[in-house]
Amino acid sequence: MGKLFAFIGSTIGGYIGWYIGAPVGFTTAFIVSMVGTGIGMYYGRVVAKNYIQ
């Protein structure tokens, strides 16, 4: 279950990061998207660990 939530979190985080960085430029959108992906993976795993037993 943790991997599923990490995947969902990374997808959402990457999309949010791309949305934030896209007005600046492609490279900025890519970098912010990667940061968002990492944050989403982390919080996806935290949610799975804390709420799914």
C-alpha atoms as a PDB file:
ATOM      1  CA  MET A   1       0.000   0.000   0.000  1.00  0.00           C
ATOM      2  CA  GLY A   2       2.908   2.341   0.719  1.00  0.00           C
ATOM      3  CA  LYS A   3       4.172   2.174  -2.853  1.00  0.00           C
ATOM      4  CA  LEU A   4       0.741   2.974  -4.211  1.00  0.00           C
ATOM      5  CA  PHE A   5       0.409   6.021  -1.987  1.00  0.00           C
ATOM      6  CA  ALA A   6       3.958   7.092  -2.886  1.00  0.00           C
ATOM      7  CA  PHE A   7       3.041   6.843  -6.570  1.00  0.00           C
ATOM      8  CA  ILE A   8      -0.143   8.867  -6.100  1.00  0.00           C
ATOM      9  CA  GLY A   9       1.689  11.443  -4.002  1.00  0.00           C
ATOM     10  CA  SER A  10       4.496  11.768  -6.544  1.00  0.00           C
ATOM     11  CA  THR A  11       2.008  12.242  -9.358  1.00  0.00           C
ATOM     12  CA  ILE A  12       0.129  14.958  -7.510  1.00  0.00           C
ATOM     13  CA  GLY A  13       3.316  16.614  -6.249  1.00  0.00           C
ATOM     14  CA  GLY A  14       4.882  16.588  -9.703  1.00  0.00           C
ATOM     15  CA  TYR A  15       1.792  18.116 -11.264  1.00  0.00           C
ATOM     16  CA  ILE A  16       1.632  20.866  -8.657  1.00  0.00           C
ATOM     17  CA  GLY A  17       5.335  21.575  -9.096  1.00  0.00           C
ATOM     18  CA  TRP A  18       4.980  21.777 -12.860  1.00  0.00           C
ATOM     19  CA  TYR A  19       2.003  24.105 -12.524  1.00  0.00           C
ATOM     20  CA  ILE A  20       3.979  26.414 -10.231  1.00  0.00           C
ATOM     21  CA  GLY A  21       7.142  26.435 -12.347  1.00  0.00           C
ATOM     22  CA  ALA A  22       5.636  26.545 -15.847  1.00  0.00           C
ATOM     23  CA  PRO A  23       5.045  30.318 -15.998  1.00  0.00           C
ATOM     24  CA  VAL A  24       8.789  30.896 -15.488  1.00  0.00           C
ATOM     25  CA  GLY A  25      10.045  28.430 -18.104  1.00  0.00           C
ATOM     26  CA  PHE A  26      10.498  24.813 -19.062  1.00  0.00           C
ATOM     27  CA  THR A  27      13.642  24.151 -17.037  1.00  0.00           C
ATOM     28  CA  THR A  28      12.201  25.775 -13.930  1.00  0.00           C
ATOM     29  CA  ALA A  29       9.014  23.754 -14.351  1.00  0.00           C
ATOM     30  CA  PHE A  30      11.073  20.562 -14.598  1.00  0.00           C
ATOM     31  CA  ILE A  31      13.158  21.318 -11.515  1.00  0.00           C
ATOM     32  CA  VAL A  32      10.187  22.376  -9.380  1.00  0.00           C
ATOM     33  CA  SER A  33       8.291  19.322 -10.616  1.00  0.00           C
ATOM     34  CA  MET A  34      11.092  17.027  -9.443  1.00  0.00           C
ATOM     35  CA  VAL A  35      11.084  18.696  -6.028  1.00  0.00           C
ATOM     36  CA  GLY A  36       7.299  18.307  -5.897  1.00  0.00           C
ATOM     37  CA  THR A  37       7.622  14.658  -6.880  1.00  0.00           C
ATOM     38  CA  GLY A  38      10.014  13.989  -4.015  1.00  0.00           C
ATOM     39  CA  ILE A  39       7.833  15.800  -1.508  1.00  0.00           C
ATOM     40  CA  GLY A  40       4.755  13.960  -2.781  1.00  0.00           C
ATOM     41  CA  MET A  41       6.510  10.593  -2.468  1.00  0.00           C
ATOM     42  CA  TYR A  42       7.529  11.377   1.099  1.00  0.00           C
ATOM     43  CA  TYR A  43       4.089  12.477   2.216  1.00  0.00           C
ATOM     44  CA  GLY A  44       2.436   9.621   0.348  1.00  0.00           C
ATOM     45  CA  ARG A  45       4.501   7.160   2.356  1.00  0.00           C
ATOM     46  CA  VAL A  46       3.767   9.053   5.586  1.00  0.00           C
ATOM     47  CA  VAL A  47       0.037   8.923   4.913  1.00  0.00           C
ATOM     48  CA  ALA A  48       0.212   5.211   4.134  1.00  0.00           C
ATOM     49  CA  LYS A  49       2.226   4.498   7.273  1.00  0.00           C
ATOM     50  CA  ASN A  50       0.029   6.538   9.616  1.00  0.00           C
ATOM     51  CA  TYR A  51      -3.445   5.837   8.309  1.00  0.00           C
ATOM     52  CA  ILE A  52      -3.295   2.452   6.617  1.00  0.00           C
ATOM     53  CA  GLN A  53      -2.482  -0.312   9.071  1.00  0.00           C
END
